[in-house]
Amino acid sequence: MKKNIKESNVQRMRNIVMGKHHDKTKIQSGWKRYKNEERLEGDIWNEDGKIWTIKNGIKQNITKMDKIRELNQMPMFCPVSGKLMKTIYDKFCYKRYRMGWDAWIEQETNKKIDGTWEEDIKERTLKNKHAWLEDIKEEFEEWVKEDPSRKFIAENGQIEDWSGGVNKEETKKEFYKKAKKFEKDLKEE
């Protein structure tokens, strides 16, 4: 009677009895991983479709968000004055002006002494107004492209029409007329 014992198992038992504990009973083939190249601090390479680098001795993936993280991260010292930045005012000023609170205050004081502060405030206000107008125009264009039928289903199952009978062409003409007037007023300032 033939038992269901594989030849490799029989050979393994023979090797154990003869004292050849580390001899192989099967032949295997496969792939061998390439030796990793020695990478140094700051090296950048592409592996498996990802970009890698070594920072502080640790292998890290470089992503699209790294640049944004760098922009948002506040340094310990002010890039302008070199003073320690640790207050909430420093955090606010760094996000807005890329300098610490003390440096910003000094800069604003110097502008007041020079007499350029009022011009700077007018210029900033004018830029803000232009940016506001562009934002309003974008929002209006999105509203114009929006589906005119504003229908909603109420809790009781009835369909409510909220379109309001607005003529978008007339509204568009009126909006751009007022926007041109506003731009003209900005140029006169």
N, C-alpha and C. Protein backbone atom coordinates (compact mmCIF):
# COMPACT_ATOMS: atom_id res chain seq x y z
N MET A 1 0.84 -1.15 0.00
CA MET A 1 0.00 0.00 0.00
C MET A 1 0.90 1.25 0.00
N LYS A 2 0.55 2.17 -0.88
CA LYS A 2 1.34 3.38 -1.04
C LYS A 2 0.79 4.46 -0.13
N LYS A 3 1.65 5.01 0.70
CA LYS A 3 1.21 6.05 1.62
C LYS A 3 1.42 7.42 0.97
N ASN A 4 0.67 8.38 1.43
CA ASN A 4 0.71 9.72 0.86
C ASN A 4 1.80 10.55 1.52
N ILE A 5 3.06 10.14 1.36
CA ILE A 5 4.20 10.86 1.91
C ILE A 5 5.05 11.31 0.73
N LYS A 6 5.36 12.60 0.71
CA LYS A 6 6.12 13.15 -0.41
C LYS A 6 7.58 12.74 -0.30
N GLU A 7 8.24 12.68 -1.44
CA GLU A 7 9.65 12.31 -1.51
C GLU A 7 10.52 13.32 -0.77
N SER A 8 10.13 14.59 -0.84
CA SER A 8 10.92 15.63 -0.16
C SER A 8 10.86 15.45 1.36
N ASN A 9 9.72 14.99 1.88
CA ASN A 9 9.61 14.75 3.32
C ASN A 9 10.47 13.57 3.74
N VAL A 10 10.50 12.53 2.90
CA VAL A 10 11.33 11.36 3.19
C VAL A 10 12.80 11.76 3.19
N GLN A 11 13.19 12.56 2.19
CA GLN A 11 14.58 13.01 2.09
C GLN A 11 14.95 13.88 3.29
N ARG A 12 14.03 14.70 3.75
CA ARG A 12 14.27 15.55 4.92
C ARG A 12 14.53 14.69 6.16
N MET A 13 13.76 13.62 6.34
CA MET A 13 13.95 12.72 7.49
C MET A 13 15.30 12.01 7.40
N ARG A 14 15.70 11.61 6.19
CA ARG A 14 17.00 10.95 6.01
C ARG A 14 18.13 11.91 6.41
N ASN A 15 18.01 13.18 5.96
CA ASN A 15 19.04 14.17 6.29
C ASN A 15 19.14 14.39 7.80
N ILE A 16 18.01 14.40 8.50
CA ILE A 16 18.01 14.60 9.95
C ILE A 16 18.68 13.42 10.64
N VAL A 17 18.37 12.20 10.20
CA VAL A 17 18.94 11.00 10.81
C VAL A 17 20.46 10.97 10.58
N MET A 18 20.91 11.39 9.40
CA MET A 18 22.34 11.36 9.07
C MET A 18 23.09 12.56 9.67
N GLY A 19 22.34 13.52 10.28
CA GLY A 19 22.99 14.66 10.92
C GLY A 19 23.19 15.84 9.98
N LYS A 20 22.59 15.78 8.82
CA LYS A 20 22.70 16.89 7.86
C LYS A 20 21.46 17.79 8.02
N HIS A 21 21.41 18.50 9.11
CA HIS A 21 20.22 19.27 9.46
C HIS A 21 19.94 20.44 8.51
N HIS A 22 20.97 21.00 7.91
CA HIS A 22 20.79 22.20 7.09
C HIS A 22 20.75 21.92 5.59
N ASP A 23 20.79 20.68 5.18
CA ASP A 23 20.72 20.36 3.75
C ASP A 23 19.32 20.61 3.21
N LYS A 24 19.27 21.08 1.96
CA LYS A 24 17.99 21.37 1.33
C LYS A 24 17.45 20.12 0.65
N THR A 25 16.12 20.01 0.67
CA THR A 25 15.48 18.88 -0.01
C THR A 25 14.73 19.31 -1.25
N LYS A 26 14.60 20.62 -1.47
CA LYS A 26 13.90 21.15 -2.64
C LYS A 26 14.81 22.14 -3.34
N ILE A 27 14.57 22.27 -4.64
CA ILE A 27 15.27 23.28 -5.41
C ILE A 27 14.27 24.40 -5.69
N GLN A 28 14.63 25.58 -5.32
CA GLN A 28 13.74 26.72 -5.52
C GLN A 28 14.41 27.74 -6.42
N SER A 29 13.58 28.43 -7.20
CA SER A 29 14.10 29.52 -8.02
C SER A 29 13.21 30.73 -7.79
N GLY A 30 13.73 31.90 -8.02
CA GLY A 30 12.94 33.11 -7.80
C GLY A 30 13.77 34.32 -8.13
N TRP A 31 13.33 35.46 -7.69
CA TRP A 31 14.05 36.68 -7.97
C TRP A 31 14.82 37.12 -6.75
N LYS A 32 15.87 37.82 -7.04
CA LYS A 32 16.71 38.32 -5.96
C LYS A 32 16.61 39.83 -5.96
N ARG A 33 16.35 40.38 -4.81
CA ARG A 33 16.22 41.83 -4.68
C ARG A 33 17.59 42.46 -4.90
N TYR A 34 17.56 43.56 -5.67
CA TYR A 34 18.81 44.27 -5.91
C TYR A 34 19.28 44.92 -4.62
N LYS A 35 20.57 45.04 -4.50
CA LYS A 35 21.12 45.69 -3.32
C LYS A 35 20.72 47.16 -3.34
N ASN A 36 20.31 47.64 -2.19
CA ASN A 36 19.95 49.05 -2.08
C ASN A 36 21.21 49.90 -2.20
N GLU A 37 21.10 50.95 -3.01
CA GLU A 37 22.23 51.85 -3.14
C GLU A 37 22.37 52.66 -1.85
N GLU A 38 23.57 53.04 -1.56
CA GLU A 38 23.80 53.88 -0.39
C GLU A 38 23.29 55.28 -0.70
N ARG A 39 22.35 55.74 0.07
CA ARG A 39 21.79 57.07 -0.11
C ARG A 39 22.32 57.97 1.00
N LEU A 40 22.58 59.21 0.64
CA LEU A 40 23.08 60.18 1.60
C LEU A 40 21.99 61.20 1.92
N GLU A 41 22.22 61.97 2.95
CA GLU A 41 21.29 63.02 3.38
C GLU A 41 21.05 63.99 2.23
N GLY A 42 19.78 64.21 1.87
CA GLY A 42 19.42 65.16 0.83
C GLY A 42 19.31 64.56 -0.56
N ASP A 43 19.70 63.30 -0.75
CA ASP A 43 19.55 62.66 -2.06
C ASP A 43 18.07 62.54 -2.42
N ILE A 44 17.75 62.70 -3.69
CA ILE A 44 16.37 62.55 -4.17
C ILE A 44 16.39 61.52 -5.29
N TRP A 45 15.48 60.53 -5.20
CA TRP A 45 15.41 59.49 -6.22
C TRP A 45 13.97 59.05 -6.42
N ASN A 46 13.76 58.38 -7.56
CA ASN A 46 12.43 57.89 -7.93
C ASN A 46 12.42 56.37 -7.77
N GLU A 47 11.45 55.88 -7.01
CA GLU A 47 11.34 54.44 -6.76
C GLU A 47 9.86 54.06 -6.75
N ASP A 48 9.49 53.14 -7.60
CA ASP A 48 8.11 52.67 -7.70
C ASP A 48 7.13 53.80 -7.98
N GLY A 49 7.54 54.78 -8.78
CA GLY A 49 6.66 55.88 -9.15
C GLY A 49 6.53 56.95 -8.10
N LYS A 50 7.29 56.88 -7.02
CA LYS A 50 7.25 57.89 -5.97
C LYS A 50 8.63 58.52 -5.83
N ILE A 51 8.62 59.77 -5.42
CA ILE A 51 9.88 60.49 -5.22
C ILE A 51 10.24 60.42 -3.74
N TRP A 52 11.49 60.01 -3.47
CA TRP A 52 11.94 59.81 -2.09
C TRP A 52 13.15 60.69 -1.81
N THR A 53 13.38 60.95 -0.54
CA THR A 53 14.56 61.67 -0.09
C THR A 53 14.92 61.19 1.31
N ILE A 54 16.06 61.61 1.78
CA ILE A 54 16.45 61.31 3.17
C ILE A 54 16.59 62.63 3.90
N LYS A 55 15.80 62.79 4.98
CA LYS A 55 15.86 63.98 5.82
C LYS A 55 16.10 63.53 7.26
N ASN A 56 17.10 64.08 7.87
CA ASN A 56 17.47 63.75 9.25
C ASN A 56 17.68 62.24 9.43
N GLY A 57 18.23 61.57 8.41
CA GLY A 57 18.52 60.15 8.49
C GLY A 57 17.32 59.25 8.27
N ILE A 58 16.17 59.81 7.89
CA ILE A 58 14.95 59.02 7.70
C ILE A 58 14.52 59.11 6.25
N LYS A 59 14.21 57.97 5.65
CA LYS A 59 13.72 57.93 4.27
C LYS A 59 12.28 58.44 4.26
N GLN A 60 12.03 59.50 3.45
CA GLN A 60 10.70 60.11 3.42
C GLN A 60 10.21 60.27 1.99
N ASN A 61 8.90 60.18 1.82
CA ASN A 61 8.26 60.39 0.54
C ASN A 61 8.05 61.88 0.32
N ILE A 62 8.35 62.39 -0.87
CA ILE A 62 8.12 63.79 -1.19
C ILE A 62 6.76 63.89 -1.86
N THR A 63 5.86 64.69 -1.29
CA THR A 63 4.51 64.83 -1.84
C THR A 63 4.28 66.26 -2.31
N LYS A 64 3.12 66.47 -2.93
CA LYS A 64 2.76 67.80 -3.39
C LYS A 64 2.50 68.73 -2.21
N MET A 65 2.11 68.17 -1.08
CA MET A 65 1.75 68.98 0.08
C MET A 65 2.97 69.51 0.83
N ASP A 66 4.17 69.02 0.53
CA ASP A 66 5.36 69.47 1.25
C ASP A 66 5.60 70.97 1.11
N LYS A 67 5.39 71.51 -0.10
CA LYS A 67 5.59 72.94 -0.32
C LYS A 67 4.59 73.75 0.49
N ILE A 68 3.35 73.28 0.58
CA ILE A 68 2.32 73.99 1.35
C ILE A 68 2.65 73.93 2.83
N ARG A 69 3.13 72.76 3.29
CA ARG A 69 3.51 72.65 4.70
C ARG A 69 4.64 73.62 5.04
N GLU A 70 5.61 73.76 4.13
CA GLU A 70 6.72 74.68 4.37
C GLU A 70 6.22 76.11 4.46
N LEU A 71 5.27 76.48 3.59
CA LEU A 71 4.73 77.84 3.63
C LEU A 71 3.99 78.13 4.93
N ASN A 72 3.30 77.12 5.44
CA ASN A 72 2.47 77.31 6.62
C ASN A 72 3.25 77.19 7.93
N GLN A 73 4.44 76.63 7.88
CA GLN A 73 5.21 76.41 9.11
C GLN A 73 5.95 77.68 9.50
N MET A 74 5.72 78.12 10.72
CA MET A 74 6.35 79.34 11.22
C MET A 74 7.72 79.01 11.80
N PRO A 75 8.75 79.74 11.38
CA PRO A 75 10.09 79.49 11.95
C PRO A 75 10.18 79.97 13.39
N MET A 76 11.22 79.56 14.06
CA MET A 76 11.40 79.95 15.45
C MET A 76 11.84 81.41 15.57
N PHE A 77 12.62 81.87 14.59
CA PHE A 77 13.14 83.23 14.62
C PHE A 77 12.62 84.03 13.43
N CYS A 78 12.41 85.30 13.62
CA CYS A 78 11.90 86.19 12.58
C CYS A 78 12.95 86.30 11.45
N PRO A 79 12.53 86.13 10.19
CA PRO A 79 13.49 86.23 9.09
C PRO A 79 14.00 87.66 8.89
N VAL A 80 13.29 88.66 9.36
CA VAL A 80 13.71 90.06 9.17
C VAL A 80 14.58 90.54 10.32
N SER A 81 14.07 90.40 11.56
CA SER A 81 14.80 90.95 12.71
C SER A 81 15.66 89.91 13.43
N GLY A 82 15.37 88.64 13.27
CA GLY A 82 16.14 87.60 13.95
C GLY A 82 15.70 87.35 15.38
N LYS A 83 14.62 88.01 15.82
CA LYS A 83 14.12 87.83 17.18
C LYS A 83 13.27 86.56 17.28
N LEU A 84 13.16 86.05 18.49
CA LEU A 84 12.36 84.86 18.76
C LEU A 84 10.88 85.16 18.52
N MET A 85 10.20 84.27 17.80
CA MET A 85 8.77 84.44 17.54
C MET A 85 8.02 83.38 18.33
N LYS A 86 7.27 83.83 19.36
CA LYS A 86 6.57 82.84 20.17
C LYS A 86 5.16 83.27 20.56
N THR A 87 4.74 84.49 20.24
CA THR A 87 3.42 84.96 20.65
C THR A 87 2.40 84.72 19.54
N ILE A 88 1.13 84.88 19.88
CA ILE A 88 0.08 84.71 18.86
C ILE A 88 0.15 85.85 17.85
N TYR A 89 0.66 87.02 18.27
CA TYR A 89 0.81 88.14 17.35
C TYR A 89 1.86 87.81 16.29
N ASP A 90 2.93 87.14 16.71
CA ASP A 90 3.97 86.72 15.76
C ASP A 90 3.38 85.74 14.74
N LYS A 91 2.55 84.84 15.22
CA LYS A 91 1.94 83.85 14.33
C LYS A 91 1.06 84.55 13.29
N PHE A 92 0.24 85.50 13.73
CA PHE A 92 -0.62 86.25 12.83
C PHE A 92 0.21 87.00 11.79
N CYS A 93 1.22 87.73 12.26
CA CYS A 93 2.04 88.54 11.36
C CYS A 93 2.84 87.68 10.39
N TYR A 94 3.32 86.54 10.85
CA TYR A 94 4.10 85.70 9.95
C TYR A 94 3.23 85.16 8.82
N LYS A 95 2.01 84.74 9.14
CA LYS A 95 1.12 84.23 8.10
C LYS A 95 0.78 85.30 7.08
N ARG A 96 0.65 86.53 7.54
CA ARG A 96 0.20 87.60 6.65
C ARG A 96 1.34 88.34 5.97
N TYR A 97 2.41 88.65 6.71
CA TYR A 97 3.48 89.50 6.19
C TYR A 97 4.83 88.82 6.09
N ARG A 98 4.95 87.57 6.53
CA ARG A 98 6.20 86.81 6.51
C ARG A 98 7.29 87.47 7.35
N MET A 99 6.88 88.00 8.50
CA MET A 99 7.82 88.57 9.47
C MET A 99 7.16 88.54 10.84
N GLY A 100 7.95 88.74 11.87
CA GLY A 100 7.42 88.74 13.23
C GLY A 100 6.69 90.03 13.56
N TRP A 101 6.00 90.02 14.70
CA TRP A 101 5.21 91.16 15.16
C TRP A 101 6.08 92.40 15.34
N ASP A 102 7.22 92.23 16.01
CA ASP A 102 8.09 93.37 16.28
C ASP A 102 8.62 94.00 14.99
N ALA A 103 9.00 93.15 14.03
CA ALA A 103 9.52 93.67 12.76
C ALA A 103 8.42 94.39 11.99
N TRP A 104 7.21 93.86 12.04
CA TRP A 104 6.10 94.50 11.33
C TRP A 104 5.78 95.86 11.96
N ILE A 105 5.74 95.91 13.29
CA ILE A 105 5.47 97.17 13.99
C ILE A 105 6.54 98.20 13.64
N GLU A 106 7.79 97.76 13.62
CA GLU A 106 8.89 98.67 13.29
C GLU A 106 8.76 99.18 11.86
N GLN A 107 8.38 98.29 10.95
CA GLN A 107 8.20 98.67 9.55
C GLN A 107 7.06 99.70 9.40
N GLU A 108 5.95 99.45 10.08
CA GLU A 108 4.82 100.38 10.01
C GLU A 108 5.19 101.72 10.63
N THR A 109 5.94 101.71 11.72
CA THR A 109 6.37 102.95 12.37
C THR A 109 7.29 103.75 11.44
N ASN A 110 8.20 103.06 10.77
CA ASN A 110 9.09 103.73 9.81
C ASN A 110 8.31 104.35 8.66
N LYS A 111 7.25 103.67 8.22
CA LYS A 111 6.41 104.23 7.15
C LYS A 111 5.71 105.50 7.62
N LYS A 112 5.25 105.50 8.87
CA LYS A 112 4.61 106.70 9.40
C LYS A 112 5.61 107.85 9.51
N ILE A 113 6.83 107.54 9.92
CA ILE A 113 7.87 108.57 10.04
C ILE A 113 8.21 109.13 8.67
N ASP A 114 8.33 108.26 7.68
CA ASP A 114 8.68 108.67 6.31
C ASP A 114 7.53 109.40 5.61
N GLY A 115 6.30 109.18 6.09
CA GLY A 115 5.14 109.79 5.46
C GLY A 115 4.54 108.95 4.34
N THR A 116 4.97 107.69 4.22
CA THR A 116 4.45 106.81 3.16
C THR A 116 3.34 105.89 3.67
N TRP A 117 3.03 105.97 4.93
CA TRP A 117 2.05 105.05 5.53
C TRP A 117 0.66 105.25 4.93
N GLU A 118 0.21 106.50 4.79
CA GLU A 118 -1.13 106.77 4.27
C GLU A 118 -1.27 106.29 2.83
N GLU A 119 -0.23 106.51 2.03
CA GLU A 119 -0.25 106.02 0.65
C GLU A 119 -0.33 104.49 0.62
N ASP A 120 0.40 103.85 1.50
CA ASP A 120 0.40 102.39 1.57
C ASP A 120 -0.99 101.86 1.95
N ILE A 121 -1.64 102.52 2.90
CA ILE A 121 -2.99 102.12 3.32
C ILE A 121 -3.97 102.29 2.16
N LYS A 122 -3.87 103.40 1.43
CA LYS A 122 -4.75 103.62 0.28
C LYS A 122 -4.53 102.55 -0.79
N GLU A 123 -3.27 102.22 -1.02
CA GLU A 123 -2.94 101.19 -2.02
C GLU A 123 -3.49 99.82 -1.61
N ARG A 124 -3.33 99.46 -0.33
CA ARG A 124 -3.86 98.18 0.16
C ARG A 124 -5.38 98.14 0.06
N THR A 125 -6.03 99.24 0.43
CA THR A 125 -7.48 99.31 0.35
C THR A 125 -7.96 99.17 -1.09
N LEU A 126 -7.27 99.82 -2.00
CA LEU A 126 -7.63 99.74 -3.41
C LEU A 126 -7.46 98.31 -3.94
N LYS A 127 -6.37 97.65 -3.55
CA LYS A 127 -6.16 96.25 -3.96
C LYS A 127 -7.26 95.35 -3.41
N ASN A 128 -7.64 95.58 -2.16
CA ASN A 128 -8.72 94.79 -1.55
C ASN A 128 -10.03 94.98 -2.29
N LYS A 129 -10.32 96.22 -2.67
CA LYS A 129 -11.57 96.49 -3.41
C LYS A 129 -11.57 95.80 -4.77
N HIS A 130 -10.42 95.84 -5.46
CA HIS A 130 -10.32 95.15 -6.76
C HIS A 130 -10.50 93.63 -6.59
N ALA A 131 -9.87 93.08 -5.57
CA ALA A 131 -9.99 91.64 -5.32
C ALA A 131 -11.44 91.28 -4.97
N TRP A 132 -12.10 92.13 -4.17
CA TRP A 132 -13.50 91.90 -3.81
C TRP A 132 -14.38 91.92 -5.06
N LEU A 133 -14.14 92.87 -5.96
CA LEU A 133 -14.93 92.96 -7.19
C LEU A 133 -14.75 91.72 -8.05
N GLU A 134 -13.51 91.23 -8.16
CA GLU A 134 -13.26 90.01 -8.94
C GLU A 134 -13.97 88.81 -8.33
N ASP A 135 -13.97 88.71 -7.01
CA ASP A 135 -14.67 87.61 -6.33
C ASP A 135 -16.17 87.68 -6.58
N ILE A 136 -16.73 88.88 -6.52
CA ILE A 136 -18.16 89.04 -6.76
C ILE A 136 -18.51 88.66 -8.19
N LYS A 137 -17.65 89.05 -9.14
CA LYS A 137 -17.89 88.69 -10.55
C LYS A 137 -17.89 87.17 -10.73
N GLU A 138 -16.93 86.50 -10.11
CA GLU A 138 -16.86 85.04 -10.20
C GLU A 138 -18.11 84.39 -9.62
N GLU A 139 -18.53 84.86 -8.45
CA GLU A 139 -19.74 84.30 -7.84
C GLU A 139 -20.96 84.54 -8.72
N PHE A 140 -21.04 85.71 -9.33
CA PHE A 140 -22.17 86.02 -10.20
C PHE A 140 -22.18 85.10 -11.42
N GLU A 141 -21.00 84.87 -12.01
CA GLU A 141 -20.91 83.97 -13.17
C GLU A 141 -21.35 82.56 -12.80
N GLU A 142 -20.98 82.11 -11.64
CA GLU A 142 -21.42 80.78 -11.18
C GLU A 142 -22.93 80.75 -11.01
N TRP A 143 -23.51 81.82 -10.48
CA TRP A 143 -24.96 81.89 -10.30
C TRP A 143 -25.67 81.88 -11.65
N VAL A 144 -25.10 82.57 -12.66
CA VAL A 144 -25.72 82.61 -13.98
C VAL A 144 -25.69 81.22 -14.62
N LYS A 145 -24.60 80.48 -14.44
CA LYS A 145 -24.48 79.15 -15.03
C LYS A 145 -25.33 78.11 -14.31
N GLU A 146 -25.79 78.43 -13.12
CA GLU A 146 -26.56 77.50 -12.30
C GLU A 146 -27.89 77.16 -12.97
N ASP A 147 -28.42 75.99 -12.68
CA ASP A 147 -29.70 75.53 -13.23
C ASP A 147 -30.81 76.48 -12.77
N PRO A 148 -31.61 77.01 -13.72
CA PRO A 148 -32.64 77.98 -13.35
C PRO A 148 -33.80 77.39 -12.56
N SER A 149 -34.04 76.11 -12.71
CA SER A 149 -35.18 75.53 -11.99
C SER A 149 -34.73 75.13 -10.60
N ARG A 150 -35.17 75.87 -9.62
CA ARG A 150 -34.81 75.62 -8.22
C ARG A 150 -35.98 74.91 -7.56
N LYS A 151 -36.03 73.60 -7.72
CA LYS A 151 -37.13 72.83 -7.14
C LYS A 151 -36.59 71.97 -6.00
N PHE A 152 -37.36 71.94 -4.92
CA PHE A 152 -36.98 71.17 -3.75
C PHE A 152 -38.17 70.32 -3.31
N ILE A 153 -37.87 69.19 -2.71
CA ILE A 153 -38.93 68.32 -2.18
C ILE A 153 -39.04 68.60 -0.69
N ALA A 154 -40.24 68.98 -0.26
CA ALA A 154 -40.48 69.30 1.14
C ALA A 154 -40.62 68.01 1.95
N GLU A 155 -40.71 68.15 3.27
CA GLU A 155 -40.83 67.00 4.16
C GLU A 155 -42.09 66.19 3.89
N ASN A 156 -43.15 66.88 3.49
CA ASN A 156 -44.42 66.17 3.26
C ASN A 156 -44.50 65.57 1.86
N GLY A 157 -43.43 65.72 1.04
CA GLY A 157 -43.40 65.10 -0.28
C GLY A 157 -43.80 66.01 -1.42
N GLN A 158 -44.25 67.23 -1.13
CA GLN A 158 -44.63 68.15 -2.18
C GLN A 158 -43.38 68.78 -2.80
N ILE A 159 -43.48 69.05 -4.11
CA ILE A 159 -42.37 69.69 -4.81
C ILE A 159 -42.59 71.19 -4.80
N GLU A 160 -41.62 71.92 -4.27
CA GLU A 160 -41.72 73.37 -4.18
C GLU A 160 -40.79 74.00 -5.21
N ASP A 161 -41.30 75.01 -5.93
CA ASP A 161 -40.52 75.72 -6.94
C ASP A 161 -40.03 77.03 -6.33
N TRP A 162 -38.71 77.21 -6.23
CA TRP A 162 -38.12 78.39 -5.62
C TRP A 162 -37.42 79.28 -6.64
N SER A 163 -37.74 79.13 -7.90
CA SER A 163 -37.01 79.87 -8.94
C SER A 163 -37.25 81.37 -8.83
N GLY A 164 -38.41 81.82 -8.43
CA GLY A 164 -38.67 83.23 -8.17
C GLY A 164 -38.91 84.07 -9.40
N GLY A 165 -38.91 83.50 -10.58
CA GLY A 165 -39.20 84.25 -11.79
C GLY A 165 -38.18 85.33 -12.11
N VAL A 166 -36.89 85.07 -11.86
CA VAL A 166 -35.84 86.05 -12.11
C VAL A 166 -35.39 85.92 -13.57
N ASN A 167 -35.35 87.04 -14.26
CA ASN A 167 -34.84 87.06 -15.63
C ASN A 167 -33.32 87.25 -15.56
N LYS A 168 -32.59 86.23 -15.87
CA LYS A 168 -31.14 86.26 -15.68
C LYS A 168 -30.46 87.22 -16.65
N GLU A 169 -31.00 87.39 -17.85
CA GLU A 169 -30.37 88.29 -18.82
C GLU A 169 -30.45 89.75 -18.34
N GLU A 170 -31.61 90.14 -17.84
CA GLU A 170 -31.75 91.51 -17.32
C GLU A 170 -30.86 91.71 -16.09
N THR A 171 -30.84 90.72 -15.23
CA THR A 171 -30.02 90.80 -14.03
C THR A 171 -28.54 90.89 -14.41
N LYS A 172 -28.13 90.14 -15.43
CA LYS A 172 -26.75 90.14 -15.88
C LYS A 172 -26.35 91.53 -16.40
N LYS A 173 -27.24 92.14 -17.23
CA LYS A 173 -26.95 93.48 -17.76
C LYS A 173 -26.84 94.50 -16.63
N GLU A 174 -27.77 94.41 -15.69
CA GLU A 174 -27.76 95.35 -14.57
C GLU A 174 -26.52 95.18 -13.70
N PHE A 175 -26.13 93.92 -13.47
CA PHE A 175 -24.95 93.65 -12.64
C PHE A 175 -23.70 94.23 -13.29
N TYR A 176 -23.50 93.96 -14.59
CA TYR A 176 -22.29 94.45 -15.24
C TYR A 176 -22.28 95.96 -15.37
N LYS A 177 -23.45 96.57 -15.46
CA LYS A 177 -23.55 98.03 -15.48
C LYS A 177 -23.05 98.60 -14.15
N LYS A 178 -23.51 98.00 -13.04
CA LYS A 178 -23.09 98.46 -11.72
C LYS A 178 -21.61 98.15 -11.47
N ALA A 179 -21.13 97.00 -11.98
CA ALA A 179 -19.73 96.63 -11.79
C ALA A 179 -18.82 97.61 -12.53
N LYS A 180 -19.22 98.03 -13.75
CA LYS A 180 -18.42 99.02 -14.49
C LYS A 180 -18.40 100.35 -13.77
N LYS A 181 -19.53 100.74 -13.20
CA LYS A 181 -19.59 102.00 -12.44
C LYS A 181 -18.66 101.91 -11.23
N PHE A 182 -18.67 100.76 -10.55
CA PHE A 182 -17.80 100.58 -9.39
C PHE A 182 -16.33 100.64 -9.79
N GLU A 183 -15.98 100.01 -10.92
CA GLU A 183 -14.60 100.06 -11.40
C GLU A 183 -14.19 101.48 -11.75
N LYS A 184 -15.10 102.22 -12.37
CA LYS A 184 -14.82 103.61 -12.72
C LYS A 184 -14.57 104.43 -11.46
N ASP A 185 -15.38 104.21 -10.42
CA ASP A 185 -15.19 104.90 -9.14
C ASP A 185 -13.85 104.54 -8.50
N LEU A 186 -13.44 103.27 -8.66
CA LEU A 186 -12.13 102.85 -8.12
C LEU A 186 -10.98 103.54 -8.83
N LYS A 187 -11.11 103.71 -10.15
CA LYS A 187 -10.03 104.37 -10.90
C LYS A 187 -9.91 105.83 -10.52
N GLU A 188 -11.04 106.44 -10.16
CA GLU A 188 -11.01 107.86 -9.79
C GLU A 188 -10.37 108.08 -8.42
N GLU A 189 -10.37 107.08 -7.58
CA GLU A 189 -9.80 107.21 -6.22
C GLU A 189 -8.31 107.41 -6.25
